[in-house]
Amino acid sequence: EVVWQLKEQSGVIDADRLPNGNTLLTLQQSGAVRELNKKGEVVWE
């Protein structure tokens, strides 16, 4: 069962859950690395 998800993450190729509960994404097509909180808000990039 899906308990959490993020959509529209352009070129997502890696996702790591951080100890603070945020998720670190590697976005190949966007040329970016972004940290998102549980609401999907970008808090660092």
ModelCIF file with pLDDT and N, C-alpha, C, O atoms, coordinates in Angstrom:
data_MODEL
#
_entry.id   MODEL 
#
_entity.id                         1 
_entity.type                       polymer 
_entity.pdbx_number_of_molecules   1 
#
_entity_poly.entity_id                      1 
_entity_poly.type                           'polypeptide(L)' 
_entity_poly.nstd_linkage                   no 
_entity_poly.nstd_monomer                   no 
_entity_poly.pdbx_seq_one_letter_code       EVVWQLKEQSGVIDADRLPNGNTLLTLQQSGAVRELNKKGEVVWE 
_entity_poly.pdbx_seq_one_letter_code_can   EVVWQLKEQSGVIDADRLPNGNTLLTLQQSGAVRELNKKGEVVWE 
_entity_poly.pdbx_strand_id                 A 
#
loop_
_entity_poly_seq.entity_id 
_entity_poly_seq.num 
_entity_poly_seq.mon_id 
_entity_poly_seq.hetero 
1 1  GLU n 
1 2  VAL n 
1 3  VAL n 
1 4  TRP n 
1 5  GLN n 
1 6  LEU n 
1 7  LYS n 
1 8  GLU n 
1 9  GLN n 
1 10 SER n 
1 11 GLY n 
1 12 VAL n 
1 13 ILE n 
1 14 ASP n 
1 15 ALA n 
1 16 ASP n 
1 17 ARG n 
1 18 LEU n 
1 19 PRO n 
1 20 ASN n 
1 21 GLY n 
1 22 ASN n 
1 23 THR n 
1 24 LEU n 
1 25 LEU n 
1 26 THR n 
1 27 LEU n 
1 28 GLN n 
1 29 GLN n 
1 30 SER n 
1 31 GLY n 
1 32 ALA n 
1 33 VAL n 
1 34 ARG n 
1 35 GLU n 
1 36 LEU n 
1 37 ASN n 
1 38 LYS n 
1 39 LYS n 
1 40 GLY n 
1 41 GLU n 
1 42 VAL n 
1 43 VAL n 
1 44 TRP n 
1 45 GLU n 
#
_struct_asym.id          A 
_struct_asym.entity_id   1 
#
loop_
_ma_qa_metric.id 
_ma_qa_metric.mode 
_ma_qa_metric.name 
_ma_qa_metric.software_group_id 
_ma_qa_metric.type 
1 global pLDDT . pLDDT 
2 local  pLDDT . pLDDT 
#
_ma_qa_metric_global.metric_id      1 
_ma_qa_metric_global.metric_value   96.71 
_ma_qa_metric_global.model_id       1 
_ma_qa_metric_global.ordinal_id     1 
#
loop_
_ma_qa_metric_local.label_asym_id 
_ma_qa_metric_local.label_comp_id 
_ma_qa_metric_local.label_seq_id 
_ma_qa_metric_local.metric_id 
_ma_qa_metric_local.metric_value 
_ma_qa_metric_local.model_id 
_ma_qa_metric_local.ordinal_id 
A GLU 1  2 97.00 1 1  
A VAL 2  2 97.00 1 2  
A VAL 3  2 97.00 1 3  
A TRP 4  2 97.00 1 4  
A GLN 5  2 97.00 1 5  
A LEU 6  2 97.00 1 6  
A LYS 7  2 95.00 1 7  
A GLU 8  2 94.00 1 8  
A GLN 9  2 96.00 1 9  
A SER 10 2 93.00 1 10 
A GLY 11 2 95.00 1 11 
A VAL 12 2 97.00 1 12 
A ILE 13 2 97.00 1 13 
A ASP 14 2 98.00 1 14 
A ALA 15 2 98.00 1 15 
A ASP 16 2 98.00 1 16 
A ARG 17 2 98.00 1 17 
A LEU 18 2 97.00 1 18 
A PRO 19 2 95.00 1 19 
A ASN 20 2 95.00 1 20 
A GLY 21 2 95.00 1 21 
A ASN 22 2 98.00 1 22 
A THR 23 2 98.00 1 23 
A LEU 24 2 98.00 1 24 
A LEU 25 2 98.00 1 25 
A THR 26 2 98.00 1 26 
A LEU 27 2 98.00 1 27 
A GLN 28 2 96.00 1 28 
A GLN 29 2 92.00 1 29 
A SER 30 2 94.00 1 30 
A GLY 31 2 96.00 1 31 
A ALA 32 2 98.00 1 32 
A VAL 33 2 98.00 1 33 
A ARG 34 2 98.00 1 34 
A GLU 35 2 98.00 1 35 
A LEU 36 2 98.00 1 36 
A ASN 37 2 97.00 1 37 
A LYS 38 2 95.00 1 38 
A LYS 39 2 96.00 1 39 
A GLY 40 2 96.00 1 40 
A GLU 41 2 97.00 1 41 
A VAL 42 2 98.00 1 42 
A VAL 43 2 98.00 1 43 
A TRP 44 2 98.00 1 44 
A GLU 45 2 98.00 1 45 
#
loop_
_atom_site.group_PDB 
_atom_site.id 
_atom_site.type_symbol 
_atom_site.label_atom_id 
_atom_site.label_alt_id 
_atom_site.label_comp_id 
_atom_site.label_asym_id 
_atom_site.label_entity_id 
_atom_site.label_seq_id 
_atom_site.pdbx_PDB_ins_code 
_atom_site.Cartn_x 
_atom_site.Cartn_y 
_atom_site.Cartn_z 
_atom_site.occupancy 
_atom_site.B_iso_or_equiv 
_atom_site.pdbx_formal_charge 
_atom_site.auth_seq_id 
_atom_site.auth_comp_id 
_atom_site.auth_asym_id 
_atom_site.auth_atom_id 
_atom_site.pdbx_PDB_model_num 
ATOM 1   N N  . GLU A 1 1  ? 0.838  -1.199 0.000   1.00 97.00 ? 1  GLU A N  1 
ATOM 2   C CA . GLU A 1 1  ? 0.000  0.000  0.000   1.00 97.00 ? 1  GLU A CA 1 
ATOM 3   C C  . GLU A 1 1  ? 0.873  1.250  0.000   1.00 97.00 ? 1  GLU A C  1 
ATOM 4   O O  . GLU A 1 1  ? 1.830  1.348  0.769   1.00 97.00 ? 1  GLU A O  1 
ATOM 5   N N  . VAL A 1 2  ? 0.540  2.196  -0.861  1.00 97.00 ? 2  VAL A N  1 
ATOM 6   C CA . VAL A 1 2  ? 1.272  3.466  -0.923  1.00 97.00 ? 2  VAL A CA 1 
ATOM 7   C C  . VAL A 1 2  ? 0.888  4.310  0.280   1.00 97.00 ? 2  VAL A C  1 
ATOM 8   O O  . VAL A 1 2  ? -0.287 4.624  0.470   1.00 97.00 ? 2  VAL A O  1 
ATOM 9   N N  . VAL A 1 3  ? 1.880  4.684  1.103   1.00 97.00 ? 3  VAL A N  1 
ATOM 10  C CA . VAL A 1 3  ? 1.612  5.486  2.306   1.00 97.00 ? 3  VAL A CA 1 
ATOM 11  C C  . VAL A 1 3  ? 2.096  6.922  2.145   1.00 97.00 ? 3  VAL A C  1 
ATOM 12  O O  . VAL A 1 3  ? 1.745  7.786  2.949   1.00 97.00 ? 3  VAL A O  1 
ATOM 13  N N  . TRP A 1 4  ? 2.893  7.185  1.122   1.00 97.00 ? 4  TRP A N  1 
ATOM 14  C CA . TRP A 1 4  ? 3.388  8.543  0.867   1.00 97.00 ? 4  TRP A CA 1 
ATOM 15  C C  . TRP A 1 4  ? 3.925  8.586  -0.548  1.00 97.00 ? 4  TRP A C  1 
ATOM 16  O O  . TRP A 1 4  ? 4.484  7.601  -1.029  1.00 97.00 ? 4  TRP A O  1 
ATOM 17  N N  . GLN A 1 5  ? 3.763  9.725  -1.229  1.00 97.00 ? 5  GLN A N  1 
ATOM 18  C CA . GLN A 1 5  ? 4.281  9.832  -2.592  1.00 97.00 ? 5  GLN A CA 1 
ATOM 19  C C  . GLN A 1 5  ? 4.526  11.279 -2.985  1.00 97.00 ? 5  GLN A C  1 
ATOM 20  O O  . GLN A 1 5  ? 3.948  12.213 -2.428  1.00 97.00 ? 5  GLN A O  1 
ATOM 21  N N  . LEU A 1 6  ? 5.396  11.424 -3.954  1.00 97.00 ? 6  LEU A N  1 
ATOM 22  C CA . LEU A 1 6  ? 5.663  12.702 -4.596  1.00 97.00 ? 6  LEU A CA 1 
ATOM 23  C C  . LEU A 1 6  ? 5.519  12.488 -6.099  1.00 97.00 ? 6  LEU A C  1 
ATOM 24  O O  . LEU A 1 6  ? 5.998  11.492 -6.640  1.00 97.00 ? 6  LEU A O  1 
ATOM 25  N N  . LYS A 1 7  ? 4.865  13.416 -6.759  1.00 95.00 ? 7  LYS A N  1 
ATOM 26  C CA . LYS A 1 7  ? 4.725  13.339 -8.212  1.00 95.00 ? 7  LYS A CA 1 
ATOM 27  C C  . LYS A 1 7  ? 5.363  14.568 -8.840  1.00 95.00 ? 7  LYS A C  1 
ATOM 28  O O  . LYS A 1 7  ? 5.705  15.533 -8.157  1.00 95.00 ? 7  LYS A O  1 
ATOM 29  N N  . GLU A 1 8  ? 5.515  14.507 -10.158 1.00 94.00 ? 8  GLU A N  1 
ATOM 30  C CA . GLU A 1 8  ? 6.041  15.626 -10.949 1.00 94.00 ? 8  GLU A CA 1 
ATOM 31  C C  . GLU A 1 8  ? 7.442  16.031 -10.504 1.00 94.00 ? 8  GLU A C  1 
ATOM 32  O O  . GLU A 1 8  ? 7.761  17.216 -10.410 1.00 94.00 ? 8  GLU A O  1 
ATOM 33  N N  . GLN A 1 9  ? 8.271  15.025 -10.233 1.00 96.00 ? 9  GLN A N  1 
ATOM 34  C CA . GLN A 1 9  ? 9.678  15.267 -9.871  1.00 96.00 ? 9  GLN A CA 1 
ATOM 35  C C  . GLN A 1 9  ? 10.528 14.941 -11.104 1.00 96.00 ? 9  GLN A C  1 
ATOM 36  O O  . GLN A 1 9  ? 10.933 13.794 -11.293 1.00 96.00 ? 9  GLN A O  1 
ATOM 37  N N  . SER A 1 10 ? 10.790 15.914 -11.913 1.00 93.00 ? 10 SER A N  1 
ATOM 38  C CA . SER A 1 10 ? 11.359 15.718 -13.246 1.00 93.00 ? 10 SER A CA 1 
ATOM 39  C C  . SER A 1 10 ? 12.716 15.012 -13.225 1.00 93.00 ? 10 SER A C  1 
ATOM 40  O O  . SER A 1 10 ? 13.713 15.546 -12.738 1.00 93.00 ? 10 SER A O  1 
ATOM 41  N N  . GLY A 1 11 ? 12.716 13.796 -13.770 1.00 95.00 ? 11 GLY A N  1 
ATOM 42  C CA . GLY A 1 11 ? 13.963 13.048 -13.897 1.00 95.00 ? 11 GLY A CA 1 
ATOM 43  C C  . GLY A 1 11 ? 14.471 12.485 -12.593 1.00 95.00 ? 11 GLY A C  1 
ATOM 44  O O  . GLY A 1 11 ? 15.685 12.391 -12.410 1.00 95.00 ? 11 GLY A O  1 
ATOM 45  N N  . VAL A 1 12 ? 13.583 12.099 -11.663 1.00 97.00 ? 12 VAL A N  1 
ATOM 46  C CA . VAL A 1 12 ? 14.037 11.585 -10.371 1.00 97.00 ? 12 VAL A CA 1 
ATOM 47  C C  . VAL A 1 12 ? 14.729 10.237 -10.548 1.00 97.00 ? 12 VAL A C  1 
ATOM 48  O O  . VAL A 1 12 ? 14.170 9.304  -11.125 1.00 97.00 ? 12 VAL A O  1 
ATOM 49  N N  . ILE A 1 13 ? 15.946 10.158 -10.043 1.00 97.00 ? 13 ILE A N  1 
ATOM 50  C CA . ILE A 1 13 ? 16.760 8.961  -10.234 1.00 97.00 ? 13 ILE A CA 1 
ATOM 51  C C  . ILE A 1 13 ? 17.287 8.405  -8.917  1.00 97.00 ? 13 ILE A C  1 
ATOM 52  O O  . ILE A 1 13 ? 17.814 7.293  -8.870  1.00 97.00 ? 13 ILE A O  1 
ATOM 53  N N  . ASP A 1 14 ? 17.142 9.185  -7.846  1.00 98.00 ? 14 ASP A N  1 
ATOM 54  C CA . ASP A 1 14 ? 17.607 8.749  -6.525  1.00 98.00 ? 14 ASP A CA 1 
ATOM 55  C C  . ASP A 1 14 ? 16.755 9.447  -5.469  1.00 98.00 ? 14 ASP A C  1 
ATOM 56  O O  . ASP A 1 14 ? 16.415 10.622 -5.611  1.00 98.00 ? 14 ASP A O  1 
ATOM 57  N N  . ALA A 1 15 ? 16.411 8.708  -4.402  1.00 98.00 ? 15 ALA A N  1 
ATOM 58  C CA . ALA A 1 15 ? 15.629 9.274  -3.302  1.00 98.00 ? 15 ALA A CA 1 
ATOM 59  C C  . ALA A 1 15 ? 16.130 8.684  -1.992  1.00 98.00 ? 15 ALA A C  1 
ATOM 60  O O  . ALA A 1 15 ? 16.148 7.465  -1.824  1.00 98.00 ? 15 ALA A O  1 
ATOM 61  N N  . ASP A 1 16 ? 16.534 9.538  -1.074  1.00 98.00 ? 16 ASP A N  1 
ATOM 62  C CA . ASP A 1 16 ? 17.037 9.112  0.235   1.00 98.00 ? 16 ASP A CA 1 
ATOM 63  C C  . ASP A 1 16 ? 16.223 9.774  1.332   1.00 98.00 ? 16 ASP A C  1 
ATOM 64  O O  . ASP A 1 16 ? 16.041 10.991 1.323   1.00 98.00 ? 16 ASP A O  1 
ATOM 65  N N  . ARG A 1 17 ? 15.736 8.983  2.273   1.00 98.00 ? 17 ARG A N  1 
ATOM 66  C CA . ARG A 1 17 ? 15.048 9.542  3.433   1.00 98.00 ? 17 ARG A CA 1 
ATOM 67  C C  . ARG A 1 17 ? 16.090 9.960  4.470   1.00 98.00 ? 17 ARG A C  1 
ATOM 68  O O  . ARG A 1 17 ? 16.923 9.154  4.884   1.00 98.00 ? 17 ARG A O  1 
ATOM 69  N N  . LEU A 1 18 ? 16.035 11.216 4.880   1.00 97.00 ? 18 LEU A N  1 
ATOM 70  C CA . LEU A 1 18 ? 16.986 11.756 5.840   1.00 97.00 ? 18 LEU A CA 1 
ATOM 71  C C  . LEU A 1 18 ? 16.480 11.555 7.269   1.00 97.00 ? 18 LEU A C  1 
ATOM 72  O O  . LEU A 1 18 ? 15.276 11.399 7.474   1.00 97.00 ? 18 LEU A O  1 
ATOM 73  N N  . PRO A 1 19 ? 17.379 11.556 8.264   1.00 95.00 ? 19 PRO A N  1 
ATOM 74  C CA . PRO A 1 19 ? 16.946 11.381 9.652   1.00 95.00 ? 19 PRO A CA 1 
ATOM 75  C C  . PRO A 1 19 ? 15.914 12.408 10.110  1.00 95.00 ? 19 PRO A C  1 
ATOM 76  O O  . PRO A 1 19 ? 15.121 12.119 11.006  1.00 95.00 ? 19 PRO A O  1 
ATOM 77  N N  . ASN A 1 20 ? 15.908 13.604 9.513   1.00 95.00 ? 20 ASN A N  1 
ATOM 78  C CA . ASN A 1 20 ? 14.947 14.627 9.917   1.00 95.00 ? 20 ASN A CA 1 
ATOM 79  C C  . ASN A 1 20 ? 13.565 14.425 9.303   1.00 95.00 ? 20 ASN A C  1 
ATOM 80  O O  . ASN A 1 20 ? 12.663 15.236 9.511   1.00 95.00 ? 20 ASN A O  1 
ATOM 81  N N  . GLY A 1 21 ? 13.403 13.335 8.543   1.00 95.00 ? 21 GLY A N  1 
ATOM 82  C CA . GLY A 1 21 ? 12.121 13.030 7.921   1.00 95.00 ? 21 GLY A CA 1 
ATOM 83  C C  . GLY A 1 21 ? 11.953 13.581 6.527   1.00 95.00 ? 21 GLY A C  1 
ATOM 84  O O  . GLY A 1 21 ? 11.014 13.207 5.825   1.00 95.00 ? 21 GLY A O  1 
ATOM 85  N N  . ASN A 1 22 ? 12.845 14.462 6.109   1.00 98.00 ? 22 ASN A N  1 
ATOM 86  C CA . ASN A 1 22 ? 12.796 14.982 4.744   1.00 98.00 ? 22 ASN A CA 1 
ATOM 87  C C  . ASN A 1 22 ? 13.361 13.957 3.766   1.00 98.00 ? 22 ASN A C  1 
ATOM 88  O O  . ASN A 1 22 ? 13.944 12.955 4.180   1.00 98.00 ? 22 ASN A O  1 
ATOM 89  N N  . THR A 1 23 ? 13.190 14.206 2.480   1.00 98.00 ? 23 THR A N  1 
ATOM 90  C CA . THR A 1 23 ? 13.665 13.283 1.447   1.00 98.00 ? 23 THR A CA 1 
ATOM 91  C C  . THR A 1 23 ? 14.562 14.042 0.481   1.00 98.00 ? 23 THR A C  1 
ATOM 92  O O  . THR A 1 23 ? 14.192 15.099 -0.030  1.00 98.00 ? 23 THR A O  1 
ATOM 93  N N  . LEU A 1 24 ? 15.744 13.489 0.237   1.00 98.00 ? 24 LEU A N  1 
ATOM 94  C CA . LEU A 1 24 ? 16.719 14.094 -0.679  1.00 98.00 ? 24 LEU A CA 1 
ATOM 95  C C  . LEU A 1 24 ? 16.567 13.444 -2.049  1.00 98.00 ? 24 LEU A C  1 
ATOM 96  O O  . LEU A 1 24 ? 16.729 12.232 -2.192  1.00 98.00 ? 24 LEU A O  1 
ATOM 97  N N  . LEU A 1 25 ? 16.253 14.261 -3.056  1.00 98.00 ? 25 LEU A N  1 
ATOM 98  C CA . LEU A 1 25 ? 16.012 13.765 -4.413  1.00 98.00 ? 25 LEU A CA 1 
ATOM 99  C C  . LEU A 1 25 ? 17.123 14.200 -5.360  1.00 98.00 ? 25 LEU A C  1 
ATOM 100 O O  . LEU A 1 25 ? 17.606 15.330 -5.298  1.00 98.00 ? 25 LEU A O  1 
ATOM 101 N N  . THR A 1 26 ? 17.520 13.279 -6.239  1.00 98.00 ? 26 THR A N  1 
ATOM 102 C CA . THR A 1 26 ? 18.432 13.605 -7.333  1.00 98.00 ? 26 THR A CA 1 
ATOM 103 C C  . THR A 1 26 ? 17.608 13.629 -8.612  1.00 98.00 ? 26 THR A C  1 
ATOM 104 O O  . THR A 1 26 ? 17.029 12.616 -9.005  1.00 98.00 ? 26 THR A O  1 
ATOM 105 N N  . LEU A 1 27 ? 17.558 14.788 -9.258  1.00 98.00 ? 27 LEU A N  1 
ATOM 106 C CA . LEU A 1 27 ? 16.704 14.999 -10.426 1.00 98.00 ? 27 LEU A CA 1 
ATOM 107 C C  . LEU A 1 27 ? 17.589 15.189 -11.654 1.00 98.00 ? 27 LEU A C  1 
ATOM 108 O O  . LEU A 1 27 ? 18.117 16.275 -11.895 1.00 98.00 ? 27 LEU A O  1 
ATOM 109 N N  . GLN A 1 28 ? 17.740 14.119 -12.421 1.00 96.00 ? 28 GLN A N  1 
ATOM 110 C CA . GLN A 1 28 ? 18.687 14.125 -13.534 1.00 96.00 ? 28 GLN A CA 1 
ATOM 111 C C  . GLN A 1 28 ? 18.296 15.120 -14.611 1.00 96.00 ? 28 GLN A C  1 
ATOM 112 O O  . GLN A 1 28 ? 19.130 15.912 -15.050 1.00 96.00 ? 28 GLN A O  1 
ATOM 113 N N  . GLN A 1 29 ? 17.045 15.093 -15.044 1.00 92.00 ? 29 GLN A N  1 
ATOM 114 C CA . GLN A 1 29 ? 16.615 15.977 -16.131 1.00 92.00 ? 29 GLN A CA 1 
ATOM 115 C C  . GLN A 1 29 ? 16.642 17.441 -15.717 1.00 92.00 ? 29 GLN A C  1 
ATOM 116 O O  . GLN A 1 29 ? 16.922 18.315 -16.537 1.00 92.00 ? 29 GLN A O  1 
ATOM 117 N N  . SER A 1 30 ? 16.358 17.707 -14.468 1.00 94.00 ? 30 SER A N  1 
ATOM 118 C CA . SER A 1 30 ? 16.347 19.090 -13.980 1.00 94.00 ? 30 SER A CA 1 
ATOM 119 C C  . SER A 1 30 ? 17.739 19.592 -13.613 1.00 94.00 ? 30 SER A C  1 
ATOM 120 O O  . SER A 1 30 ? 17.930 20.785 -13.380 1.00 94.00 ? 30 SER A O  1 
ATOM 121 N N  . GLY A 1 31 ? 18.711 18.683 -13.562 1.00 96.00 ? 31 GLY A N  1 
ATOM 122 C CA . GLY A 1 31 ? 20.053 19.080 -13.157 1.00 96.00 ? 31 GLY A CA 1 
ATOM 123 C C  . GLY A 1 31 ? 20.083 19.603 -11.739 1.00 96.00 ? 31 GLY A C  1 
ATOM 124 O O  . GLY A 1 31 ? 20.775 20.577 -11.442 1.00 96.00 ? 31 GLY A O  1 
ATOM 125 N N  . ALA A 1 32 ? 19.315 18.943 -10.843 1.00 98.00 ? 32 ALA A N  1 
ATOM 126 C CA . ALA A 1 32 ? 19.165 19.474 -9.493  1.00 98.00 ? 32 ALA A CA 1 
ATOM 127 C C  . ALA A 1 32 ? 19.190 18.371 -8.444  1.00 98.00 ? 32 ALA A C  1 
ATOM 128 O O  . ALA A 1 32 ? 18.894 17.211 -8.732  1.00 98.00 ? 32 ALA A O  1 
ATOM 129 N N  . VAL A 1 33 ? 19.548 18.752 -7.230  1.00 98.00 ? 33 VAL A N  1 
ATOM 130 C CA . VAL A 1 33 ? 19.382 17.936 -6.032  1.00 98.00 ? 33 VAL A CA 1 
ATOM 131 C C  . VAL A 1 33 ? 18.532 18.747 -5.080  1.00 98.00 ? 33 VAL A C  1 
ATOM 132 O O  . VAL A 1 33 ? 18.865 19.893 -4.779  1.00 98.00 ? 33 VAL A O  1 
ATOM 133 N N  . ARG A 1 34 ? 17.430 18.170 -4.597  1.00 98.00 ? 34 ARG A N  1 
ATOM 134 C CA . ARG A 1 34 ? 16.497 18.927 -3.762  1.00 98.00 ? 34 ARG A CA 1 
ATOM 135 C C  . ARG A 1 34 ? 16.126 18.133 -2.518  1.00 98.00 ? 34 ARG A C  1 
ATOM 136 O O  . ARG A 1 34 ? 15.935 16.918 -2.568  1.00 98.00 ? 34 ARG A O  1 
ATOM 137 N N  . GLU A 1 35 ? 16.031 18.839 -1.414  1.00 98.00 ? 35 GLU A N  1 
ATOM 138 C CA . GLU A 1 35 ? 15.518 18.272 -0.173  1.00 98.00 ? 35 GLU A CA 1 
ATOM 139 C C  . GLU A 1 35 ? 14.091 18.774 0.016   1.00 98.00 ? 35 GLU A C  1 
ATOM 140 O O  . GLU A 1 35 ? 13.840 19.979 0.034   1.00 98.00 ? 35 GLU A O  1 
ATOM 141 N N  . LEU A 1 36 ? 13.160 17.828 0.156   1.00 98.00 ? 36 LEU A N  1 
ATOM 142 C CA . LEU A 1 36 ? 11.755 18.166 0.308   1.00 98.00 ? 36 LEU A CA 1 
ATOM 143 C C  . LEU A 1 36 ? 11.240 17.665 1.651   1.00 98.00 ? 36 LEU A C  1 
ATOM 144 O O  . LEU A 1 36 ? 11.656 16.606 2.120   1.00 98.00 ? 36 LEU A O  1 
ATOM 145 N N  . ASN A 1 37 ? 10.341 18.417 2.267   1.00 97.00 ? 37 ASN A N  1 
ATOM 146 C CA . ASN A 1 37 ? 9.736  17.948 3.502   1.00 97.00 ? 37 ASN A CA 1 
ATOM 147 C C  . ASN A 1 37 ? 8.564  17.020 3.192   1.00 97.00 ? 37 ASN A C  1 
ATOM 148 O O  . ASN A 1 37 ? 8.291  16.727 2.029   1.00 97.00 ? 37 ASN A O  1 
ATOM 149 N N  . LYS A 1 38 ? 7.877  16.562 4.231   1.00 95.00 ? 38 LYS A N  1 
ATOM 150 C CA . LYS A 1 38 ? 6.808  15.583 4.026   1.00 95.00 ? 38 LYS A CA 1 
ATOM 151 C C  . LYS A 1 38 ? 5.644  16.150 3.226   1.00 95.00 ? 38 LYS A C  1 
ATOM 152 O O  . LYS A 1 38 ? 4.873  15.399 2.628   1.00 95.00 ? 38 LYS A O  1 
ATOM 153 N N  . LYS A 1 39 ? 5.514  17.487 3.214   1.00 96.00 ? 39 LYS A N  1 
ATOM 154 C CA . LYS A 1 39 ? 4.456  18.121 2.426   1.00 96.00 ? 39 LYS A CA 1 
ATOM 155 C C  . LYS A 1 39 ? 4.840  18.293 0.963   1.00 96.00 ? 39 LYS A C  1 
ATOM 156 O O  . LYS A 1 39 ? 4.027  18.732 0.150   1.00 96.00 ? 39 LYS A O  1 
ATOM 157 N N  . GLY A 1 40 ? 6.086  17.946 0.628   1.00 96.00 ? 40 GLY A N  1 
ATOM 158 C CA . GLY A 1 40 ? 6.544  18.114 -0.741  1.00 96.00 ? 40 GLY A CA 1 
ATOM 159 C C  . GLY A 1 40 ? 7.123  19.476 -1.032  1.00 96.00 ? 40 GLY A C  1 
ATOM 160 O O  . GLY A 1 40 ? 7.343  19.826 -2.192  1.00 96.00 ? 40 GLY A O  1 
ATOM 161 N N  . GLU A 1 41 ? 7.373  20.255 0.017   1.00 97.00 ? 41 GLU A N  1 
ATOM 162 C CA . GLU A 1 41 ? 7.939  21.600 -0.157  1.00 97.00 ? 41 GLU A CA 1 
ATOM 163 C C  . GLU A 1 41 ? 9.463  21.527 -0.198  1.00 97.00 ? 41 GLU A C  1 
ATOM 164 O O  . GLU A 1 41 ? 10.080 20.808 0.588   1.00 97.00 ? 41 GLU A O  1 
ATOM 165 N N  . VAL A 1 42 ? 10.062 22.274 -1.118  1.00 98.00 ? 42 VAL A N  1 
ATOM 166 C CA . VAL A 1 42 ? 11.515 22.305 -1.248  1.00 98.00 ? 42 VAL A CA 1 
ATOM 167 C C  . VAL A 1 42 ? 12.095 23.163 -0.119  1.00 98.00 ? 42 VAL A C  1 
ATOM 168 O O  . VAL A 1 42 ? 11.732 24.329 0.036   1.00 98.00 ? 42 VAL A O  1 
ATOM 169 N N  . VAL A 1 43 ? 13.002 22.568 0.668   1.00 98.00 ? 43 VAL A N  1 
ATOM 170 C CA . VAL A 1 43 ? 13.615 23.305 1.777   1.00 98.00 ? 43 VAL A CA 1 
ATOM 171 C C  . VAL A 1 43 ? 15.106 23.560 1.531   1.00 98.00 ? 43 VAL A C  1 
ATOM 172 O O  . VAL A 1 43 ? 15.738 24.330 2.254   1.00 98.00 ? 43 VAL A O  1 
ATOM 173 N N  . TRP A 1 44 ? 15.656 22.914 0.513   1.00 98.00 ? 44 TRP A N  1 
ATOM 174 C CA . TRP A 1 44 ? 17.078 23.106 0.172   1.00 98.00 ? 44 TRP A CA 1 
ATOM 175 C C  . TRP A 1 44 ? 17.280 22.547 -1.222  1.00 98.00 ? 44 TRP A C  1 
ATOM 176 O O  . TRP A 1 44 ? 16.634 21.570 -1.601  1.00 98.00 ? 44 TRP A O  1 
ATOM 177 N N  . GLU A 1 45 ? 18.189 23.171 -2.003  1.00 98.00 ? 45 GLU A N  1 
ATOM 178 C CA . GLU A 1 45 ? 18.431 22.635 -3.346  1.00 98.00 ? 45 GLU A CA 1 
ATOM 179 C C  . GLU A 1 45 ? 19.763 23.098 -3.919  1.00 98.00 ? 45 GLU A C  1 
ATOM 180 O O  . GLU A 1 45 ? 20.113 22.733 -5.041  1.00 98.00 ? 45 GLU A O  1 
#
